[in-house]
Amino acid sequence: MIKTLTVKNLQGLATDDKVDIPETWQELVKGEQAVKDSVVSFLARMRSGTASTQTRSEVSRTGAKPWRQKGTGRARSGTASSPLWVGGAVAFGPRPRTYNLRVNRKVERLALKRAFSERLKADDVVLLDSIELNSPKTKEVTGFLKNLQLGENVLILVDEYSENLCLAARNLPNVLVLRASSVNTYLMLLYKKIIITKAGLEALGRRLA
C-alpha cells in the first residue's frame, strides 16, 4: 500500500507538493519480533555494566581465624571477610560485564522498516520541504512546532545537520535533531511525532529499500 504525505512548510501550511512512500519502504505484516529484538539490543548497549562488588579475596581484612574452632559456644568462623559478617565480602554480587546483544543487519533493517511503517499508519510523520532557520534561537524551533501543532515531543530527521537548527533545539529536552541515516528503531518509536525533511526522507529510504 502506497502512503502519500503532503509536504508542509515551517508556517504549518500544506504545499502543492506530495510524496508517495514506496511499498518497498513499508512493512506491516512481519517484523514485530525484530522490533523487540532491536529495542532490547539498543537499551542493553546503553548499560555501562560497571557495577562491581568485592569478593572474599578482594576484601581487605585480616586472614586470622576470629576465634578457636571449638569450646567458645559460638558458631564456628574461619575468616572476617565472610559474606555473613558486616564489612565482609558480597556473595554472588554484580561484577563488571557487557550487556551487548547482537542483532544482524537484516533484522535491524526490518525492525526500522516496521517501526517507520507503524508511525506512517498512525499519521505521526510530518514531511517538511526543508528546515532553514534565520538564527540559532530556541523560539525559532518552538515557533514552527507551534505552527505544525505537534507539541514539543518531537524527533526531527534531516539529511545533514544545520548549525542553527541544532543550536536552537538543544535547550528543548523532548526535541531531538538527528540525521535520518543514523536513526534507529528505538528512537523511531520513542517520540510522539516525527518531522522529516524531503532530503531526510530520501536518506531514510536508502536504508529501508
N, C-alpha and C. Protein backbone atom coordinates (compact mmCIF):
# COMPACT_ATOMS: atom_id res chain seq x y z
N MET A 1 0.85 -1.20 0.00
CA MET A 1 0.00 0.00 0.00
C MET A 1 0.88 1.25 0.00
N ILE A 2 0.70 2.14 -0.96
CA ILE A 2 1.49 3.35 -1.06
C ILE A 2 0.88 4.43 -0.17
N LYS A 3 1.71 4.99 0.69
CA LYS A 3 1.28 6.07 1.58
C LYS A 3 1.71 7.40 0.98
N THR A 4 0.82 8.37 0.95
CA THR A 4 1.11 9.68 0.38
C THR A 4 1.18 10.71 1.49
N LEU A 5 2.28 11.46 1.52
CA LEU A 5 2.45 12.52 2.50
C LEU A 5 2.42 13.87 1.81
N THR A 6 1.71 14.80 2.41
CA THR A 6 1.67 16.17 1.89
C THR A 6 2.83 16.96 2.49
N VAL A 7 3.56 17.62 1.63
CA VAL A 7 4.70 18.42 2.10
C VAL A 7 4.20 19.73 2.70
N LYS A 8 4.69 20.05 3.88
CA LYS A 8 4.31 21.29 4.56
C LYS A 8 5.51 22.22 4.68
N ASN A 9 5.24 23.47 4.98
CA ASN A 9 6.32 24.42 5.22
C ASN A 9 6.38 24.76 6.71
N LEU A 10 7.34 25.61 7.09
CA LEU A 10 7.52 25.94 8.50
C LEU A 10 6.37 26.75 9.08
N GLN A 11 5.52 27.29 8.23
CA GLN A 11 4.34 28.01 8.72
C GLN A 11 3.18 27.07 9.00
N GLY A 12 3.38 25.78 8.77
CA GLY A 12 2.35 24.79 9.02
C GLY A 12 1.35 24.65 7.90
N LEU A 13 1.62 25.28 6.76
CA LEU A 13 0.70 25.24 5.63
C LEU A 13 1.09 24.15 4.64
N ALA A 14 0.09 23.48 4.12
CA ALA A 14 0.34 22.42 3.14
C ALA A 14 0.69 23.04 1.79
N THR A 15 1.67 22.48 1.13
CA THR A 15 2.04 22.94 -0.21
C THR A 15 1.36 22.04 -1.25
N ASP A 16 1.60 22.35 -2.49
CA ASP A 16 1.02 21.54 -3.57
C ASP A 16 1.83 20.26 -3.82
N ASP A 17 2.97 20.18 -3.17
CA ASP A 17 3.85 19.02 -3.38
C ASP A 17 3.41 17.85 -2.52
N LYS A 18 3.39 16.67 -3.09
CA LYS A 18 3.07 15.45 -2.36
C LYS A 18 4.12 14.40 -2.69
N VAL A 19 4.40 13.54 -1.72
CA VAL A 19 5.41 12.50 -1.88
C VAL A 19 4.79 11.14 -1.56
N ASP A 20 4.95 10.20 -2.47
CA ASP A 20 4.47 8.84 -2.26
C ASP A 20 5.57 8.00 -1.60
N ILE A 21 5.21 7.33 -0.52
CA ILE A 21 6.15 6.43 0.15
C ILE A 21 6.05 5.06 -0.51
N PRO A 22 7.08 4.58 -1.18
CA PRO A 22 7.01 3.30 -1.89
C PRO A 22 6.71 2.13 -0.96
N GLU A 23 6.11 1.11 -1.53
CA GLU A 23 5.81 -0.09 -0.73
C GLU A 23 7.08 -0.76 -0.23
N THR A 24 8.17 -0.61 -0.96
CA THR A 24 9.43 -1.24 -0.53
C THR A 24 10.00 -0.60 0.73
N TRP A 25 9.48 0.56 1.13
CA TRP A 25 9.91 1.22 2.36
C TRP A 25 9.01 0.86 3.53
N GLN A 26 7.96 0.08 3.29
CA GLN A 26 6.97 -0.20 4.32
C GLN A 26 6.88 -1.70 4.60
N GLU A 27 6.52 -2.02 5.84
CA GLU A 27 6.32 -3.41 6.23
C GLU A 27 5.38 -3.45 7.44
N LEU A 28 4.17 -3.98 7.21
CA LEU A 28 3.18 -4.06 8.29
C LEU A 28 2.74 -5.49 8.58
N VAL A 29 3.34 -6.45 7.89
CA VAL A 29 2.96 -7.85 8.09
C VAL A 29 3.89 -8.54 9.06
N LYS A 30 5.17 -8.42 8.83
CA LYS A 30 6.15 -9.07 9.70
C LYS A 30 7.06 -8.02 10.34
N GLY A 31 7.83 -8.46 11.29
CA GLY A 31 8.79 -7.56 11.90
C GLY A 31 8.54 -7.20 13.35
N GLU A 32 7.47 -7.71 13.95
CA GLU A 32 7.20 -7.38 15.36
C GLU A 32 8.33 -7.88 16.27
N GLN A 33 8.77 -9.11 16.06
CA GLN A 33 9.85 -9.66 16.88
C GLN A 33 11.15 -8.92 16.60
N ALA A 34 11.35 -8.52 15.35
CA ALA A 34 12.56 -7.77 15.00
C ALA A 34 12.60 -6.44 15.75
N VAL A 35 11.44 -5.78 15.86
CA VAL A 35 11.36 -4.52 16.59
C VAL A 35 11.74 -4.73 18.06
N LYS A 36 11.21 -5.77 18.65
CA LYS A 36 11.53 -6.05 20.05
C LYS A 36 13.01 -6.33 20.22
N ASP A 37 13.57 -7.19 19.36
CA ASP A 37 14.98 -7.53 19.47
C ASP A 37 15.87 -6.31 19.30
N SER A 38 15.50 -5.43 18.36
CA SER A 38 16.29 -4.24 18.11
C SER A 38 16.26 -3.27 19.29
N VAL A 39 15.08 -3.08 19.88
CA VAL A 39 14.95 -2.18 21.02
C VAL A 39 15.68 -2.73 22.24
N VAL A 40 15.52 -4.02 22.50
CA VAL A 40 16.21 -4.64 23.63
C VAL A 40 17.72 -4.55 23.45
N SER A 41 18.20 -4.77 22.23
CA SER A 41 19.62 -4.68 21.95
C SER A 41 20.15 -3.27 22.18
N PHE A 42 19.39 -2.27 21.72
CA PHE A 42 19.82 -0.88 21.89
C PHE A 42 19.89 -0.50 23.37
N LEU A 43 18.85 -0.84 24.13
CA LEU A 43 18.84 -0.50 25.56
C LEU A 43 19.92 -1.25 26.32
N ALA A 44 20.20 -2.47 25.89
CA ALA A 44 21.27 -3.25 26.53
C ALA A 44 22.63 -2.59 26.30
N ARG A 45 22.83 -2.07 25.08
CA ARG A 45 24.11 -1.42 24.78
C ARG A 45 24.29 -0.13 25.57
N MET A 46 23.19 0.46 26.03
CA MET A 46 23.27 1.69 26.80
C MET A 46 23.70 1.43 28.25
N ARG A 47 23.65 0.19 28.69
CA ARG A 47 24.04 -0.13 30.07
C ARG A 47 25.56 -0.13 30.18
N SER A 48 26.08 0.51 31.21
CA SER A 48 27.53 0.61 31.36
C SER A 48 28.15 -0.71 31.80
N GLY A 49 27.41 -1.48 32.61
CA GLY A 49 27.95 -2.76 33.07
C GLY A 49 29.13 -2.62 34.00
N THR A 50 29.20 -1.52 34.76
CA THR A 50 30.35 -1.29 35.64
C THR A 50 30.06 -1.61 37.11
N ALA A 51 28.86 -2.06 37.43
CA ALA A 51 28.55 -2.39 38.83
C ALA A 51 29.47 -3.50 39.31
N SER A 52 30.04 -3.32 40.49
CA SER A 52 31.03 -4.30 40.98
C SER A 52 31.02 -4.36 42.50
N THR A 53 31.15 -5.55 43.04
CA THR A 53 31.30 -5.76 44.48
C THR A 53 32.55 -6.58 44.73
N GLN A 54 33.03 -6.56 45.98
CA GLN A 54 34.27 -7.27 46.31
C GLN A 54 34.00 -8.71 46.72
N THR A 55 34.84 -9.59 46.21
CA THR A 55 34.78 -10.99 46.62
C THR A 55 35.63 -11.17 47.89
N ARG A 56 35.63 -12.38 48.43
CA ARG A 56 36.39 -12.64 49.66
C ARG A 56 37.88 -12.37 49.48
N SER A 57 38.38 -12.63 48.29
CA SER A 57 39.81 -12.43 48.06
C SER A 57 40.18 -10.96 47.91
N GLU A 58 39.18 -10.11 47.69
CA GLU A 58 39.45 -8.69 47.47
C GLU A 58 39.20 -7.84 48.71
N VAL A 59 38.48 -8.36 49.69
CA VAL A 59 38.21 -7.59 50.90
C VAL A 59 39.47 -7.48 51.73
N SER A 60 39.78 -6.24 52.17
CA SER A 60 41.00 -6.02 52.96
C SER A 60 40.70 -6.21 54.45
N ARG A 61 40.82 -7.47 54.89
CA ARG A 61 40.61 -7.80 56.31
C ARG A 61 41.64 -8.85 56.70
N THR A 62 41.82 -9.02 57.97
CA THR A 62 42.79 -9.98 58.45
C THR A 62 42.42 -11.40 58.03
N GLY A 63 43.42 -12.19 57.80
CA GLY A 63 43.17 -13.57 57.43
C GLY A 63 43.17 -14.51 58.63
N ALA A 64 43.34 -13.94 59.82
CA ALA A 64 43.38 -14.77 61.03
C ALA A 64 41.99 -15.30 61.39
N LYS A 65 41.96 -16.46 61.97
CA LYS A 65 40.68 -17.03 62.43
C LYS A 65 40.21 -16.22 63.63
N PRO A 66 38.96 -15.71 63.61
CA PRO A 66 38.48 -14.82 64.68
C PRO A 66 38.57 -15.45 66.08
N TRP A 67 38.21 -16.70 66.21
CA TRP A 67 38.32 -17.42 67.48
C TRP A 67 38.50 -18.90 67.20
N ARG A 68 38.85 -19.62 68.23
CA ARG A 68 39.15 -21.03 68.02
C ARG A 68 37.89 -21.79 67.59
N GLN A 69 38.13 -22.94 67.00
CA GLN A 69 37.06 -23.70 66.37
C GLN A 69 36.02 -24.18 67.38
N LYS A 70 36.47 -24.68 68.50
CA LYS A 70 35.54 -25.30 69.45
C LYS A 70 35.71 -24.70 70.84
N GLY A 71 34.67 -24.85 71.63
CA GLY A 71 34.77 -24.53 73.04
C GLY A 71 34.30 -23.14 73.43
N THR A 72 33.98 -22.30 72.49
CA THR A 72 33.55 -20.94 72.87
C THR A 72 32.04 -20.81 72.98
N GLY A 73 31.32 -21.75 72.45
CA GLY A 73 29.86 -21.67 72.46
C GLY A 73 29.30 -20.87 71.30
N ARG A 74 30.18 -20.27 70.51
CA ARG A 74 29.72 -19.50 69.36
C ARG A 74 29.85 -20.34 68.09
N ALA A 75 29.17 -19.89 67.06
CA ALA A 75 29.26 -20.59 65.78
C ALA A 75 30.69 -20.50 65.27
N ARG A 76 31.13 -21.55 64.63
CA ARG A 76 32.49 -21.56 64.10
C ARG A 76 32.62 -20.52 62.98
N SER A 77 33.79 -19.91 62.93
CA SER A 77 34.04 -18.91 61.91
C SER A 77 35.50 -18.99 61.48
N GLY A 78 35.73 -18.89 60.19
CA GLY A 78 37.09 -19.06 59.69
C GLY A 78 37.76 -17.77 59.28
N THR A 79 36.97 -16.76 58.90
CA THR A 79 37.57 -15.52 58.41
C THR A 79 36.59 -14.35 58.59
N ALA A 80 37.16 -13.19 58.81
CA ALA A 80 36.34 -11.99 58.99
C ALA A 80 35.84 -11.44 57.66
N SER A 81 36.34 -11.96 56.55
CA SER A 81 35.88 -11.50 55.24
C SER A 81 34.69 -12.29 54.73
N SER A 82 34.12 -13.13 55.58
CA SER A 82 32.96 -13.93 55.20
C SER A 82 31.78 -13.02 54.82
N PRO A 83 30.99 -13.40 53.83
CA PRO A 83 29.81 -12.61 53.46
C PRO A 83 28.80 -12.47 54.60
N LEU A 84 28.90 -13.31 55.62
CA LEU A 84 27.98 -13.25 56.74
C LEU A 84 28.33 -12.13 57.71
N TRP A 85 29.52 -11.59 57.60
CA TRP A 85 29.99 -10.58 58.54
C TRP A 85 29.80 -9.17 57.97
N VAL A 86 29.50 -8.21 58.88
CA VAL A 86 29.46 -6.81 58.48
C VAL A 86 30.86 -6.38 58.05
N GLY A 87 30.95 -5.79 56.88
CA GLY A 87 32.25 -5.39 56.35
C GLY A 87 32.94 -6.48 55.57
N GLY A 88 32.25 -7.62 55.45
CA GLY A 88 32.82 -8.72 54.70
C GLY A 88 32.51 -8.63 53.22
N ALA A 89 32.78 -9.70 52.51
CA ALA A 89 32.56 -9.72 51.07
C ALA A 89 31.08 -9.84 50.74
N VAL A 90 30.77 -9.77 49.45
CA VAL A 90 29.41 -9.94 48.95
C VAL A 90 29.35 -11.24 48.17
N ALA A 91 28.40 -12.09 48.53
CA ALA A 91 28.25 -13.37 47.84
C ALA A 91 27.41 -13.19 46.59
N PHE A 92 27.92 -13.64 45.48
CA PHE A 92 27.20 -13.60 44.19
C PHE A 92 26.78 -12.18 43.81
N GLY A 93 27.62 -11.20 44.12
CA GLY A 93 27.32 -9.82 43.78
C GLY A 93 27.63 -9.52 42.33
N PRO A 94 27.24 -8.34 41.85
CA PRO A 94 27.50 -7.97 40.45
C PRO A 94 28.98 -7.78 40.18
N ARG A 95 29.39 -8.13 38.97
CA ARG A 95 30.76 -7.94 38.52
C ARG A 95 30.72 -7.21 37.18
N PRO A 96 31.78 -6.48 36.83
CA PRO A 96 31.78 -5.80 35.53
C PRO A 96 31.54 -6.77 34.39
N ARG A 97 30.64 -6.40 33.49
CA ARG A 97 30.30 -7.27 32.37
C ARG A 97 29.72 -6.42 31.24
N THR A 98 29.59 -7.01 30.08
CA THR A 98 28.96 -6.33 28.95
C THR A 98 27.58 -6.92 28.73
N TYR A 99 26.62 -6.06 28.44
CA TYR A 99 25.24 -6.49 28.22
C TYR A 99 24.89 -6.51 26.73
N ASN A 100 25.88 -6.32 25.87
CA ASN A 100 25.62 -6.22 24.44
C ASN A 100 24.91 -7.46 23.89
N LEU A 101 23.89 -7.21 23.09
CA LEU A 101 23.18 -8.27 22.39
C LEU A 101 23.30 -8.01 20.89
N ARG A 102 23.74 -8.99 20.16
CA ARG A 102 23.97 -8.79 18.74
C ARG A 102 22.68 -9.02 17.94
N VAL A 103 22.42 -8.11 17.04
CA VAL A 103 21.30 -8.25 16.11
C VAL A 103 21.86 -8.00 14.71
N ASN A 104 21.61 -8.92 13.79
CA ASN A 104 22.22 -8.76 12.46
C ASN A 104 21.55 -7.64 11.66
N ARG A 105 22.20 -7.25 10.58
CA ARG A 105 21.77 -6.07 9.82
C ARG A 105 20.38 -6.25 9.19
N LYS A 106 20.08 -7.44 8.72
CA LYS A 106 18.77 -7.67 8.11
C LYS A 106 17.65 -7.48 9.12
N VAL A 107 17.87 -7.96 10.34
CA VAL A 107 16.86 -7.81 11.39
C VAL A 107 16.72 -6.34 11.78
N GLU A 108 17.85 -5.63 11.87
CA GLU A 108 17.80 -4.20 12.21
C GLU A 108 17.04 -3.43 11.13
N ARG A 109 17.28 -3.74 9.86
CA ARG A 109 16.60 -3.03 8.78
C ARG A 109 15.11 -3.34 8.79
N LEU A 110 14.76 -4.60 9.04
CA LEU A 110 13.35 -4.98 9.11
C LEU A 110 12.66 -4.28 10.28
N ALA A 111 13.34 -4.18 11.41
CA ALA A 111 12.77 -3.52 12.58
C ALA A 111 12.53 -2.04 12.32
N LEU A 112 13.50 -1.38 11.68
CA LEU A 112 13.35 0.03 11.37
C LEU A 112 12.23 0.26 10.37
N LYS A 113 12.13 -0.63 9.39
CA LYS A 113 11.07 -0.52 8.38
C LYS A 113 9.70 -0.70 9.02
N ARG A 114 9.58 -1.67 9.93
CA ARG A 114 8.30 -1.90 10.61
C ARG A 114 7.94 -0.71 11.50
N ALA A 115 8.92 -0.18 12.24
CA ALA A 115 8.66 0.95 13.12
C ALA A 115 8.23 2.18 12.32
N PHE A 116 8.92 2.44 11.22
CA PHE A 116 8.58 3.58 10.37
C PHE A 116 7.18 3.40 9.77
N SER A 117 6.86 2.19 9.37
CA SER A 117 5.54 1.91 8.78
C SER A 117 4.43 2.14 9.80
N GLU A 118 4.67 1.74 11.03
CA GLU A 118 3.66 1.94 12.08
C GLU A 118 3.44 3.43 12.34
N ARG A 119 4.52 4.22 12.30
CA ARG A 119 4.36 5.66 12.52
C ARG A 119 3.63 6.31 11.35
N LEU A 120 3.88 5.80 10.14
CA LEU A 120 3.14 6.30 8.98
C LEU A 120 1.66 5.98 9.10
N LYS A 121 1.38 4.75 9.51
CA LYS A 121 -0.01 4.30 9.64
C LYS A 121 -0.77 5.14 10.67
N ALA A 122 -0.07 5.54 11.73
CA ALA A 122 -0.70 6.32 12.80
C ALA A 122 -0.72 7.82 12.49
N ASP A 123 -0.24 8.21 11.29
CA ASP A 123 -0.17 9.62 10.89
C ASP A 123 0.66 10.46 11.84
N ASP A 124 1.75 9.87 12.31
CA ASP A 124 2.65 10.57 13.23
C ASP A 124 3.83 11.20 12.51
N VAL A 125 3.90 11.07 11.20
CA VAL A 125 5.04 11.59 10.43
C VAL A 125 4.61 12.83 9.66
N VAL A 126 5.35 13.90 9.84
CA VAL A 126 5.09 15.16 9.13
C VAL A 126 6.28 15.43 8.20
N LEU A 127 5.98 15.67 6.95
CA LEU A 127 7.02 15.90 5.95
C LEU A 127 7.14 17.39 5.65
N LEU A 128 8.36 17.92 5.80
CA LEU A 128 8.63 19.33 5.50
C LEU A 128 9.50 19.43 4.27
N ASP A 129 9.36 20.54 3.55
CA ASP A 129 10.22 20.73 2.38
C ASP A 129 11.67 20.93 2.81
N SER A 130 11.88 21.73 3.84
CA SER A 130 13.22 21.95 4.42
C SER A 130 13.06 22.70 5.73
N ILE A 131 14.13 22.74 6.50
CA ILE A 131 14.12 23.48 7.76
C ILE A 131 15.29 24.45 7.73
N GLU A 132 15.00 25.69 7.43
CA GLU A 132 16.02 26.73 7.36
C GLU A 132 15.66 27.83 8.35
N LEU A 133 16.48 27.94 9.40
CA LEU A 133 16.22 28.93 10.45
C LEU A 133 17.11 30.15 10.25
N ASN A 134 16.59 31.33 10.60
CA ASN A 134 17.34 32.57 10.44
C ASN A 134 18.37 32.78 11.54
N SER A 135 18.12 32.18 12.70
CA SER A 135 19.04 32.36 13.83
C SER A 135 18.99 31.12 14.72
N PRO A 136 20.04 30.91 15.51
CA PRO A 136 20.09 29.73 16.40
C PRO A 136 19.37 29.97 17.72
N LYS A 137 18.10 30.36 17.65
CA LYS A 137 17.34 30.65 18.86
C LYS A 137 16.25 29.62 19.07
N THR A 138 16.02 29.29 20.33
CA THR A 138 15.03 28.26 20.67
C THR A 138 13.64 28.65 20.18
N LYS A 139 13.33 29.92 20.20
CA LYS A 139 11.99 30.35 19.78
C LYS A 139 11.74 30.06 18.30
N GLU A 140 12.81 29.91 17.52
CA GLU A 140 12.65 29.55 16.11
C GLU A 140 12.05 28.15 15.99
N VAL A 141 12.55 27.22 16.82
CA VAL A 141 12.05 25.84 16.79
C VAL A 141 10.66 25.75 17.39
N THR A 142 10.49 26.37 18.57
CA THR A 142 9.16 26.32 19.20
C THR A 142 8.11 26.99 18.32
N GLY A 143 8.54 27.96 17.53
CA GLY A 143 7.61 28.66 16.65
C GLY A 143 7.06 27.75 15.56
N PHE A 144 7.95 27.03 14.85
CA PHE A 144 7.42 26.19 13.78
C PHE A 144 6.76 24.92 14.32
N LEU A 145 7.15 24.49 15.52
CA LEU A 145 6.44 23.36 16.13
C LEU A 145 5.01 23.77 16.49
N LYS A 146 4.86 25.01 16.94
CA LYS A 146 3.52 25.52 17.25
C LYS A 146 2.69 25.65 15.98
N ASN A 147 3.32 26.11 14.91
CA ASN A 147 2.61 26.23 13.63
C ASN A 147 2.12 24.87 13.14
N LEU A 148 2.93 23.85 13.37
CA LEU A 148 2.58 22.50 12.92
C LEU A 148 1.66 21.78 13.90
N GLN A 149 1.46 22.37 15.10
CA GLN A 149 0.59 21.81 16.14
C GLN A 149 1.03 20.40 16.53
N LEU A 150 2.31 20.28 16.83
CA LEU A 150 2.87 18.96 17.15
C LEU A 150 3.26 18.81 18.62
N GLY A 151 3.21 19.91 19.38
CA GLY A 151 3.70 19.82 20.75
C GLY A 151 5.21 19.91 20.76
N GLU A 152 5.83 19.51 21.86
CA GLU A 152 7.29 19.60 21.97
C GLU A 152 7.90 18.24 22.33
N ASN A 153 7.31 17.17 21.84
CA ASN A 153 7.91 15.84 21.98
C ASN A 153 8.09 15.31 20.57
N VAL A 154 9.20 15.72 19.95
CA VAL A 154 9.34 15.54 18.51
C VAL A 154 10.75 15.06 18.16
N LEU A 155 10.80 14.16 17.21
CA LEU A 155 12.06 13.74 16.60
C LEU A 155 12.15 14.41 15.23
N ILE A 156 13.22 15.17 15.02
CA ILE A 156 13.41 15.88 13.75
C ILE A 156 14.52 15.17 12.97
N LEU A 157 14.16 14.64 11.82
CA LEU A 157 15.12 13.91 10.98
C LEU A 157 15.49 14.77 9.78
N VAL A 158 16.78 14.96 9.61
CA VAL A 158 17.29 15.77 8.50
C VAL A 158 18.34 14.97 7.73
N ASP A 159 18.69 15.48 6.57
CA ASP A 159 19.73 14.83 5.77
C ASP A 159 21.11 15.18 6.32
N GLU A 160 21.35 16.47 6.54
CA GLU A 160 22.60 16.95 7.11
C GLU A 160 22.29 17.95 8.21
N TYR A 161 23.14 17.96 9.24
CA TYR A 161 22.92 18.86 10.36
C TYR A 161 23.06 20.33 9.94
N SER A 162 22.19 21.14 10.49
CA SER A 162 22.27 22.59 10.33
C SER A 162 22.66 23.19 11.68
N GLU A 163 23.65 24.05 11.68
CA GLU A 163 24.13 24.62 12.95
C GLU A 163 23.02 25.38 13.67
N ASN A 164 22.28 26.19 12.93
CA ASN A 164 21.21 26.95 13.55
C ASN A 164 20.15 26.04 14.17
N LEU A 165 19.79 24.99 13.46
CA LEU A 165 18.76 24.07 13.96
C LEU A 165 19.23 23.33 15.19
N CYS A 166 20.46 22.83 15.17
CA CYS A 166 20.98 22.08 16.32
C CYS A 166 21.10 22.96 17.55
N LEU A 167 21.58 24.20 17.37
CA LEU A 167 21.72 25.11 18.50
C LEU A 167 20.36 25.55 19.02
N ALA A 168 19.40 25.72 18.13
CA ALA A 168 18.07 26.18 18.54
C ALA A 168 17.29 25.10 19.27
N ALA A 169 17.56 23.84 18.96
CA ALA A 169 16.77 22.74 19.54
C ALA A 169 17.41 22.13 20.78
N ARG A 170 18.65 22.46 21.06
CA ARG A 170 19.35 21.74 22.13
C ARG A 170 18.81 22.06 23.53
N ASN A 171 18.11 23.19 23.69
CA ASN A 171 17.55 23.54 25.00
C ASN A 171 16.17 22.92 25.24
N LEU A 172 15.63 22.24 24.23
CA LEU A 172 14.33 21.61 24.38
C LEU A 172 14.55 20.14 24.75
N PRO A 173 14.17 19.74 25.97
CA PRO A 173 14.51 18.39 26.45
C PRO A 173 13.85 17.26 25.68
N ASN A 174 12.71 17.52 25.05
CA ASN A 174 11.98 16.45 24.36
C ASN A 174 11.99 16.62 22.84
N VAL A 175 12.99 17.36 22.36
CA VAL A 175 13.17 17.53 20.91
C VAL A 175 14.57 17.06 20.56
N LEU A 176 14.66 16.17 19.59
CA LEU A 176 15.97 15.65 19.17
C LEU A 176 16.12 15.84 17.67
N VAL A 177 17.25 16.44 17.29
CA VAL A 177 17.59 16.59 15.87
C VAL A 177 18.60 15.51 15.52
N LEU A 178 18.29 14.75 14.48
CA LEU A 178 19.12 13.59 14.14
C LEU A 178 19.16 13.42 12.63
N ARG A 179 20.28 12.94 12.15
CA ARG A 179 20.36 12.60 10.73
C ARG A 179 19.55 11.34 10.46
N ALA A 180 18.81 11.35 9.38
CA ALA A 180 17.96 10.21 9.04
C ALA A 180 18.79 8.95 8.78
N SER A 181 20.02 9.13 8.38
CA SER A 181 20.88 7.98 8.09
C SER A 181 21.36 7.27 9.36
N SER A 182 21.15 7.88 10.53
CA SER A 182 21.63 7.27 11.77
C SER A 182 20.52 6.97 12.78
N VAL A 183 19.26 7.20 12.40
CA VAL A 183 18.16 6.92 13.33
C VAL A 183 18.02 5.41 13.52
N ASN A 184 17.62 5.01 14.72
CA ASN A 184 17.41 3.59 14.99
C ASN A 184 15.95 3.32 15.38
N THR A 185 15.63 2.06 15.55
CA THR A 185 14.25 1.66 15.82
C THR A 185 13.74 2.26 17.13
N TYR A 186 14.57 2.26 18.17
CA TYR A 186 14.15 2.77 19.47
C TYR A 186 13.75 4.25 19.39
N LEU A 187 14.59 5.06 18.74
CA LEU A 187 14.28 6.48 18.62
C LEU A 187 13.10 6.72 17.70
N MET A 188 12.92 5.86 16.71
CA MET A 188 11.78 5.99 15.80
C MET A 188 10.46 5.82 16.56
N LEU A 189 10.48 5.05 17.63
CA LEU A 189 9.27 4.77 18.40
C LEU A 189 9.14 5.65 19.64
N LEU A 190 10.23 6.30 20.05
CA LEU A 190 10.26 6.99 21.34
C LEU A 190 9.43 8.26 21.36
N TYR A 191 9.48 9.04 20.31
CA TYR A 191 8.86 10.36 20.30
C TYR A 191 7.42 10.29 19.78
N LYS A 192 6.61 11.25 20.24
CA LYS A 192 5.19 11.25 19.87
C LYS A 192 5.00 11.59 18.39
N LYS A 193 5.82 12.49 17.88
CA LYS A 193 5.70 12.91 16.49
C LYS A 193 7.08 12.90 15.83
N ILE A 194 7.07 12.72 14.52
CA ILE A 194 8.32 12.72 13.76
C ILE A 194 8.22 13.74 12.64
N ILE A 195 9.18 14.63 12.58
CA ILE A 195 9.30 15.58 11.47
C ILE A 195 10.47 15.13 10.62
N ILE A 196 10.26 15.06 9.33
CA ILE A 196 11.35 14.66 8.44
C ILE A 196 11.32 15.55 7.20
N THR A 197 12.49 15.98 6.78
CA THR A 197 12.58 16.80 5.58
C THR A 197 12.58 15.89 4.35
N LYS A 198 12.35 16.48 3.19
CA LYS A 198 12.33 15.70 1.95
C LYS A 198 13.69 15.03 1.71
N ALA A 199 14.76 15.77 1.96
CA ALA A 199 16.10 15.20 1.80
C ALA A 199 16.34 14.10 2.83
N GLY A 200 15.83 14.31 4.04
CA GLY A 200 15.98 13.29 5.08
C GLY A 200 15.21 12.03 4.75
N LEU A 201 14.03 12.20 4.13
CA LEU A 201 13.22 11.05 3.73
C LEU A 201 13.94 10.22 2.67
N GLU A 202 14.61 10.87 1.76
CA GLU A 202 15.37 10.15 0.74
C GLU A 202 16.51 9.36 1.38
N ALA A 203 17.18 9.97 2.37
CA ALA A 203 18.27 9.29 3.06
C ALA A 203 17.75 8.08 3.83
N LEU A 204 16.59 8.25 4.47
CA LEU A 204 15.99 7.14 5.20
C LEU A 204 15.55 6.04 4.25
N GLY A 205 15.00 6.44 3.11
CA GLY A 205 14.55 5.47 2.12
C GLY A 205 15.67 4.60 1.60
N ARG A 206 16.87 5.15 1.50
CA ARG A 206 18.01 4.35 1.05
C ARG A 206 18.36 3.25 2.04
N ARG A 207 18.05 3.48 3.31
CA ARG A 207 18.27 2.44 4.33
C ARG A 207 17.17 1.40 4.34
N LEU A 208 15.96 1.83 4.02
CA LEU A 208 14.81 0.92 4.11
C LEU A 208 14.64 0.06 2.86
N ALA A 209 15.04 0.57 1.72
CA ALA A 209 14.78 -0.12 0.46
C ALA A 209 15.60 -1.40 0.37
